[in-house]
Amino acid sequence: MRKLFFILLISLSGMLCLYSCKKESYLTDEGVHEARVNLTTYDYLAQHPAGLFDTLIIVIDHFGLKDEINNASTFFAPTNYSIKRFYNRKWAELLIRDENATYSLAQMLEAVNVDSLRTYIYNDGNHGPTTANTQYTPIANASGIPGFSYHRQLQPPGQWSFQPIYYLYYVQIRGEQDQVNSDGVVTTPEGDETDLRIRCQTSGIITSTGTVINVLANSHNFIADFYPPLSVQNSTWNYDVAFPFDAANYSGASVSIDQNELATAFGLEASEIPDLLGNTIKFYAVESNGELNATTTANGYGHWFDANGNVINWGADARLFCEYDEANFTFNIGQFPGQTAAGNEYTIKQAMAYEAGFEMIRVTFVFNITIE
């Protein structure tokens, strides 16, 4: 029953967001908005109108952390979606051993160490968009686990606004600290582990108890993101693709992959892969610098790419799209009408990554495309 309650809770929060995220006053310029709320930190989370933190409140209550949350200087708040990712991961680990295994919210809570939750709690100061630098600022969380920082990164002009827009990131340094440019753009030294950087989808909320709340992106995997990096097995599959230039249509070509070969790579049955995709099998675009990008910008499991093979939204700089049809194990590749030219060559990449325990098996699909 509690497992059912948990799943319904997550689903309900998503439905609430669907119905509440209509055309509201935030779409109209009403001047500068006040970041302060007249609620304690706990009450703000508990009374969120979309129920975005309902499961987080259950976790907080289970460990008796209400006072700690209210007294925190800064709280990087994971959402229900983040906790559901952790729940799904733990359940998937059981299913590997027993395909009929069930998993409850109570079982998940037993798998959580209270100090893991304290990695989101900071008593060493208010950390938010007004205090962030483009360079990493080290911070000390309540768990005593070292290696955490935060910083902000300038976004490309025209993505949302032509005014300077910064995103706030919560960072766990892995190995050697990544190199950070003056605008906050991060590059990983060759041969080093990439630092974990979690974008804040909302930042700088100030509660009546003086806590700065930064809400982490829904893509964050609650607690598990802070585990030791997975042991990764990589394989790369290359495909040469050619199709004619088209000034009027989103035309292109399709590439079918060998589903049995993919199943062998993952150690699964081919029939299992479509159901696991989006859960224990994650789908990504691979940026030109090798970074995985989980944000889709085209239909389904799909992305638009620019001339350099980087993910982009549909628009003037888009050149190609690639959309994966999970039912047929097929990649559908096409062009933006009139924005390529005969003789152009492009390389775009997508990947699937299967997580089993602390092992990740990643298959990268490289499409070398020629416009004829």
Protein backbone atom coordinates (compact mmCIF):
# COMPACT_ATOMS: atom_id res chain seq x y z
CA MET A 1 0.00 0.00 0.00
CA ARG A 2 2.81 2.43 0.84
CA LYS A 3 4.52 1.69 -2.46
CA LEU A 4 1.26 2.45 -4.26
CA PHE A 5 0.89 5.65 -2.26
CA PHE A 6 4.42 6.69 -3.22
CA ILE A 7 3.84 6.09 -6.94
CA LEU A 8 0.49 7.87 -6.85
CA LEU A 9 2.11 10.72 -4.97
CA ILE A 10 4.72 11.21 -7.66
CA SER A 11 2.12 10.95 -10.41
CA LEU A 12 -0.18 13.39 -8.68
CA SER A 13 2.56 15.99 -8.30
CA GLY A 14 3.25 15.75 -12.02
CA MET A 15 -0.49 16.13 -12.80
CA LEU A 16 -0.74 19.14 -10.54
CA CYS A 17 2.15 20.76 -12.36
CA LEU A 18 0.50 19.97 -15.70
CA TYR A 19 -2.69 21.73 -14.71
CA SER A 20 -1.12 24.60 -12.79
CA CYS A 21 1.62 25.44 -15.32
CA LYS A 22 -0.79 27.18 -17.68
CA LYS A 23 -0.58 30.77 -18.80
CA GLU A 24 -0.19 32.55 -15.49
CA SER A 25 0.96 35.97 -14.33
CA TYR A 26 4.61 34.93 -14.39
CA LEU A 27 4.42 35.19 -18.19
CA THR A 28 3.74 38.89 -17.86
CA ASP A 29 6.38 41.41 -16.79
CA GLU A 30 5.18 42.59 -13.39
CA GLY A 31 8.49 44.09 -12.30
CA VAL A 32 11.01 42.67 -9.81
CA HIS A 33 9.65 39.81 -7.70
CA GLU A 34 10.51 39.33 -4.05
CA ALA A 35 12.39 36.11 -3.35
CA ARG A 36 11.27 35.99 0.28
CA VAL A 37 8.41 33.80 1.45
CA ASN A 38 6.55 34.18 4.73
CA LEU A 39 6.90 30.51 5.65
CA THR A 40 9.45 28.41 7.47
CA THR A 41 11.66 26.25 5.29
CA TYR A 42 9.76 23.10 6.25
CA ASP A 43 6.35 24.73 5.68
CA TYR A 44 7.41 26.11 2.30
CA LEU A 45 8.35 22.61 1.16
CA ALA A 46 5.24 21.05 2.70
CA GLN A 47 2.87 23.65 1.22
CA HIS A 48 4.33 23.86 -2.28
CA PRO A 49 1.27 24.38 -4.53
CA ALA A 50 2.34 21.69 -7.01
CA GLY A 51 3.28 19.21 -4.28
CA LEU A 52 6.83 19.14 -5.65
CA PHE A 53 8.35 18.16 -2.28
CA ASP A 54 5.71 15.84 -0.80
CA THR A 55 7.99 12.80 -0.79
CA LEU A 56 10.92 14.87 0.46
CA ILE A 57 8.76 15.85 3.45
CA ILE A 58 8.14 12.14 4.14
CA VAL A 59 11.92 11.57 4.11
CA ILE A 60 12.54 14.59 6.38
CA ASP A 61 9.86 13.41 8.84
CA HIS A 62 11.20 9.86 8.82
CA PHE A 63 14.63 11.06 9.99
CA GLY A 64 13.29 13.80 12.29
CA LEU A 65 15.13 16.56 10.41
CA LYS A 66 12.44 19.25 10.54
CA ASP A 67 14.39 21.50 12.94
CA GLU A 68 17.65 20.98 11.04
CA ILE A 69 15.95 22.00 7.79
CA ASN A 70 14.36 25.07 9.39
CA ASN A 71 17.66 26.14 10.98
CA ALA A 72 19.81 25.54 7.89
CA SER A 73 21.48 28.50 6.24
CA THR A 74 21.17 26.87 2.81
CA PHE A 75 19.22 23.87 1.56
CA PHE A 76 19.73 22.38 -1.91
CA ALA A 77 16.29 20.80 -2.20
CA PRO A 78 15.74 17.60 -4.23
CA THR A 79 12.27 17.22 -5.73
CA ASN A 80 9.89 14.25 -5.78
CA TYR A 81 11.22 13.40 -9.24
CA SER A 82 14.76 13.10 -7.89
CA ILE A 83 13.64 10.81 -5.08
CA LYS A 84 11.62 8.72 -7.50
CA ARG A 85 14.81 8.21 -9.54
CA PHE A 86 16.54 6.83 -6.45
CA TYR A 87 13.50 4.66 -5.68
CA ASN A 88 13.49 3.27 -9.23
CA ARG A 89 17.22 2.59 -9.06
CA LYS A 90 16.96 0.62 -5.84
CA TRP A 91 13.99 -1.35 -7.16
CA ALA A 92 15.84 -2.09 -10.40
CA GLU A 93 18.74 -3.52 -8.39
CA LEU A 94 16.30 -5.93 -6.76
CA LEU A 95 14.71 -6.84 -10.10
CA ILE A 96 18.08 -7.90 -11.47
CA ARG A 97 18.17 -10.61 -8.81
CA ASP A 98 14.43 -11.32 -8.72
CA GLU A 99 12.18 -10.27 -11.60
CA ASN A 100 9.12 -10.49 -9.31
CA ALA A 101 10.59 -8.34 -6.54
CA THR A 102 8.41 -5.64 -5.00
CA TYR A 103 9.72 -2.50 -3.36
CA SER A 104 8.10 -0.11 -0.92
CA LEU A 105 8.80 3.40 0.25
CA ALA A 106 9.62 1.96 3.68
CA GLN A 107 12.28 -0.26 2.09
CA MET A 108 13.75 2.73 0.30
CA LEU A 109 13.98 4.69 3.54
CA GLU A 110 15.88 1.79 5.10
CA ALA A 111 18.45 2.17 2.31
CA VAL A 112 19.03 5.86 3.10
CA ASN A 113 21.68 6.97 5.59
CA VAL A 114 20.72 10.18 7.39
CA ASP A 115 24.13 11.72 6.62
CA SER A 116 23.39 11.25 2.93
CA LEU A 117 20.41 13.57 3.35
CA ARG A 118 22.63 16.06 5.19
CA THR A 119 24.74 16.50 2.04
CA TYR A 120 21.98 18.93 0.97
CA ILE A 121 22.05 20.93 4.24
CA TYR A 122 24.49 23.81 4.86
CA ASN A 123 25.01 25.78 8.05
CA ASP A 124 28.13 27.67 6.89
CA GLY A 125 26.29 30.52 5.16
CA ASN A 126 23.68 31.52 2.60
CA HIS A 127 24.66 30.16 -0.80
CA GLY A 128 22.59 31.26 -3.76
CA PRO A 129 22.60 33.28 -6.98
CA THR A 130 23.59 36.53 -5.23
CA THR A 131 26.68 34.99 -3.61
CA ALA A 132 27.76 32.66 -6.42
CA ASN A 133 30.86 33.29 -8.52
CA THR A 134 31.60 31.77 -11.89
CA GLN A 135 34.51 29.96 -10.20
CA TYR A 136 33.80 27.15 -7.73
CA THR A 137 33.19 28.26 -4.12
CA PRO A 138 33.89 25.41 -1.64
CA ILE A 139 31.14 24.88 0.96
CA ALA A 140 30.83 22.57 4.00
CA ASN A 141 27.64 20.55 4.38
CA ALA A 142 26.13 19.22 7.60
CA SER A 143 27.19 15.64 6.86
CA GLY A 144 30.89 16.48 6.99
CA ILE A 145 31.38 14.83 3.58
CA PRO A 146 33.96 17.01 1.76
CA GLY A 147 34.33 18.03 -1.86
CA PHE A 148 31.22 20.17 -2.49
CA SER A 149 31.09 23.59 -4.14
CA TYR A 150 28.69 25.79 -6.04
CA HIS A 151 29.03 28.27 -8.89
CA ARG A 152 27.13 29.98 -11.67
CA GLN A 153 27.50 29.65 -15.44
CA LEU A 154 26.63 32.20 -18.11
CA GLN A 155 24.18 30.94 -20.72
CA PRO A 156 24.54 31.66 -24.47
CA PRO A 157 22.73 34.87 -25.47
CA GLY A 158 19.42 34.32 -27.19
CA GLN A 159 18.64 30.99 -25.53
CA TRP A 160 16.17 32.60 -23.15
CA SER A 161 17.09 36.26 -23.23
CA PHE A 162 19.64 38.60 -24.75
CA GLN A 163 20.39 39.88 -21.24
CA PRO A 164 23.06 38.00 -19.23
CA ILE A 165 21.46 34.86 -17.76
CA TYR A 166 23.27 32.63 -15.26
CA TYR A 167 22.37 29.15 -14.02
CA LEU A 168 23.36 28.10 -10.51
CA TYR A 169 25.09 24.71 -10.15
CA TYR A 170 25.62 22.49 -7.11
CA VAL A 171 28.95 20.71 -7.57
CA GLN A 172 30.66 17.62 -6.20
CA ILE A 173 34.32 17.61 -7.22
CA ARG A 174 35.57 14.27 -8.52
CA GLY A 175 39.26 13.64 -8.93
CA GLU A 176 41.05 16.79 -10.06
CA GLN A 177 38.84 19.88 -10.06
CA ASP A 178 37.58 20.69 -13.54
CA GLN A 179 38.82 23.81 -15.29
CA VAL A 180 36.39 26.73 -15.06
CA ASN A 181 36.43 29.62 -17.53
CA SER A 182 35.64 33.22 -16.58
CA ASP A 183 32.01 32.73 -17.71
CA GLY A 184 31.60 29.59 -15.62
CA VAL A 185 31.85 27.12 -18.51
CA VAL A 186 33.54 23.94 -17.27
CA THR A 187 35.95 21.63 -19.09
CA THR A 188 37.35 18.37 -17.73
CA PRO A 189 41.11 17.71 -17.97
CA GLU A 190 41.93 14.79 -20.23
CA GLY A 191 41.90 11.51 -18.35
CA ASP A 192 40.13 12.93 -15.29
CA GLU A 193 36.64 12.27 -13.95
CA THR A 194 34.02 14.88 -14.76
CA ASP A 195 32.84 16.82 -11.72
CA LEU A 196 29.20 16.22 -10.81
CA ARG A 197 27.31 19.44 -11.58
CA ILE A 198 23.60 19.63 -10.74
CA ARG A 199 21.73 22.59 -12.14
CA CYS A 200 19.33 24.45 -9.87
CA GLN A 201 15.98 24.89 -11.60
CA THR A 202 14.96 27.53 -9.03
CA SER A 203 17.36 29.38 -6.76
CA GLY A 204 17.55 32.04 -4.09
CA ILE A 205 14.23 31.47 -2.28
CA ILE A 206 14.56 32.94 1.24
CA THR A 207 12.28 31.58 3.95
CA SER A 208 11.13 33.20 7.20
CA THR A 209 13.70 31.11 9.09
CA GLY A 210 16.51 32.59 6.98
CA THR A 211 17.22 29.56 4.80
CA VAL A 212 18.18 30.00 1.16
CA ILE A 213 16.49 27.24 -0.85
CA ASN A 214 17.93 26.21 -4.20
CA VAL A 215 15.72 23.62 -5.92
CA LEU A 216 17.74 21.00 -7.80
CA ALA A 217 16.83 19.90 -11.32
CA ASN A 218 14.36 17.02 -11.57
CA SER A 219 17.03 15.03 -13.42
CA HIS A 220 19.12 14.77 -10.23
CA ASN A 221 19.23 11.24 -8.79
CA PHE A 222 18.62 11.73 -5.06
CA ILE A 223 21.66 10.61 -3.01
CA ALA A 224 22.82 8.18 -5.71
CA ASP A 225 24.47 10.99 -7.67
CA PHE A 226 26.90 11.33 -4.75
CA TYR A 227 27.86 7.65 -4.80
CA PRO A 228 31.32 6.71 -6.10
CA PRO A 229 31.40 7.02 -9.89
CA LEU A 230 30.13 3.99 -11.74
CA SER A 231 32.52 1.61 -13.38
CA VAL A 232 31.85 2.35 -17.05
CA GLN A 233 32.13 -0.06 -19.97
CA ASN A 234 32.10 1.87 -23.24
CA SER A 235 31.50 0.66 -26.76
CA THR A 236 31.12 2.81 -29.86
CA TRP A 237 29.09 1.91 -32.93
CA ASN A 238 29.76 3.94 -36.08
CA TYR A 239 27.40 4.49 -38.99
CA ASP A 240 27.92 6.32 -42.29
CA VAL A 241 24.72 8.00 -43.44
CA ALA A 242 24.03 9.99 -46.63
CA PHE A 243 20.91 11.67 -47.98
CA PRO A 244 20.13 14.48 -50.47
CA PHE A 245 19.91 18.17 -49.59
CA ASP A 246 16.31 19.29 -49.16
CA ALA A 247 15.24 22.92 -49.01
CA ALA A 248 11.58 22.19 -48.26
CA ASN A 249 11.22 19.06 -46.13
CA TYR A 250 12.59 17.50 -42.94
CA SER A 251 13.89 14.59 -44.97
CA GLY A 252 16.73 12.22 -44.21
CA ALA A 253 17.34 8.55 -43.57
CA SER A 254 16.78 5.81 -41.01
CA VAL A 255 19.37 3.61 -39.34
CA SER A 256 18.29 0.31 -37.79
CA ILE A 257 20.53 -1.17 -35.12
CA ASP A 258 20.98 -4.85 -34.32
CA GLN A 259 18.72 -5.32 -31.31
CA ASN A 260 20.31 -8.65 -30.40
CA GLU A 261 23.78 -7.11 -30.45
CA LEU A 262 22.55 -4.28 -28.24
CA ALA A 263 20.94 -6.75 -25.85
CA THR A 264 24.20 -8.71 -25.67
CA ALA A 265 26.12 -5.52 -24.85
CA PHE A 266 23.75 -4.81 -21.95
CA GLY A 267 23.47 -8.43 -20.83
CA LEU A 268 19.70 -8.31 -21.35
CA GLU A 269 17.04 -9.77 -23.60
CA ALA A 270 16.13 -7.55 -26.55
CA SER A 271 12.49 -7.56 -25.43
CA GLU A 272 13.48 -5.98 -22.09
CA ILE A 273 15.19 -2.91 -23.55
CA PRO A 274 12.14 -0.81 -24.60
CA ASP A 275 10.60 -1.14 -21.12
CA LEU A 276 13.86 -0.27 -19.34
CA LEU A 277 14.58 2.74 -21.55
CA GLY A 278 14.00 5.89 -19.51
CA ASN A 279 14.51 4.01 -16.22
CA THR A 280 17.65 1.94 -15.73
CA ILE A 281 18.62 2.55 -19.35
CA LYS A 282 19.15 6.27 -19.88
CA PHE A 283 19.19 7.96 -23.28
CA TYR A 284 21.56 10.85 -24.00
CA ALA A 285 22.95 13.05 -26.68
CA VAL A 286 26.74 13.25 -26.65
CA GLU A 287 28.08 16.78 -27.05
CA SER A 288 31.14 17.44 -29.19
CA ASN A 289 33.27 17.62 -26.02
CA GLY A 290 32.06 14.17 -24.94
CA GLU A 291 29.64 15.40 -22.27
CA LEU A 292 26.35 13.51 -21.95
CA ASN A 293 23.20 15.62 -22.32
CA ALA A 294 19.93 14.13 -21.00
CA THR A 295 17.72 17.01 -22.20
CA THR A 296 15.74 16.13 -25.31
CA THR A 297 15.04 18.88 -27.86
CA ALA A 298 13.22 16.90 -30.56
CA ASN A 299 10.45 14.30 -30.52
CA GLY A 300 10.61 11.42 -28.03
CA TYR A 301 14.18 10.27 -27.50
CA GLY A 302 15.45 12.91 -29.89
CA HIS A 303 17.73 15.91 -30.29
CA TRP A 304 18.41 18.75 -32.68
CA PHE A 305 22.11 19.34 -33.38
CA ASP A 306 24.04 22.33 -34.65
CA ALA A 307 26.83 22.25 -37.26
CA ASN A 308 29.37 21.20 -34.59
CA GLY A 309 27.31 18.28 -33.33
CA ASN A 310 26.12 20.00 -30.15
CA VAL A 311 22.56 19.84 -28.85
CA ILE A 312 20.43 22.82 -29.75
CA ASN A 313 16.76 23.73 -29.93
CA TRP A 314 14.84 23.88 -33.21
CA GLY A 315 15.70 27.17 -34.91
CA ALA A 316 18.06 29.10 -37.13
CA ASP A 317 21.23 27.31 -35.97
CA ALA A 318 19.78 23.79 -36.10
CA ARG A 319 21.12 21.54 -38.84
CA LEU A 320 20.09 17.94 -38.10
CA PHE A 321 17.79 15.98 -35.84
CA CYS A 322 18.06 12.39 -34.65
CA GLU A 323 15.09 10.65 -33.03
CA TYR A 324 15.19 7.11 -31.65
CA ASP A 325 12.21 4.80 -32.20
CA GLU A 326 12.52 2.44 -29.24
CA ALA A 327 9.86 0.01 -30.51
CA ASN A 328 11.72 -0.65 -33.76
CA PHE A 329 15.34 -0.07 -32.61
CA THR A 330 15.67 2.60 -35.30
CA PHE A 331 17.26 6.07 -35.41
CA ASN A 332 15.44 8.51 -37.71
CA ILE A 333 17.83 11.22 -38.90
CA GLY A 334 16.76 14.32 -40.81
CA GLN A 335 17.73 17.83 -41.79
CA PHE A 336 16.34 21.28 -41.14
CA PRO A 337 14.98 22.39 -44.55
CA GLY A 338 17.40 24.72 -46.32
CA GLN A 339 19.88 24.92 -43.44
CA THR A 340 22.33 22.36 -44.77
CA ALA A 341 24.04 22.27 -48.18
CA ALA A 342 25.17 19.63 -50.62
CA GLY A 343 28.66 18.48 -49.66
CA ASN A 344 28.25 19.32 -45.95
CA GLU A 345 29.49 16.66 -43.53
CA TYR A 346 28.40 16.35 -39.91
CA THR A 347 28.99 14.05 -36.97
CA ILE A 348 26.31 13.64 -34.33
CA LYS A 349 26.27 11.23 -31.40
CA GLN A 350 23.71 9.69 -29.07
CA ALA A 351 24.10 7.07 -26.38
CA MET A 352 22.28 4.58 -24.18
CA ALA A 353 23.64 3.82 -20.74
CA TYR A 354 22.46 0.87 -18.66
CA GLU A 355 23.02 1.08 -14.91
CA ALA A 356 23.26 -2.16 -12.97
CA GLY A 357 24.43 -1.64 -9.41
CA PHE A 358 27.69 0.33 -9.58
CA GLU A 359 28.36 -0.59 -13.19
CA MET A 360 27.36 1.41 -16.24
CA ILE A 361 27.37 -0.12 -19.70
CA ARG A 362 27.32 2.61 -22.33
CA VAL A 363 26.80 2.21 -26.06
CA THR A 364 27.53 5.34 -28.12
CA PHE A 365 26.04 5.65 -31.60
CA VAL A 366 28.12 7.84 -33.93
CA PHE A 367 26.47 9.00 -37.15
CA ASN A 368 28.82 10.39 -39.81
CA ILE A 369 26.43 12.23 -42.12
CA THR A 370 27.01 13.51 -45.66
CA ILE A 371 24.54 15.80 -47.42
CA GLU A 372 24.51 14.91 -51.10
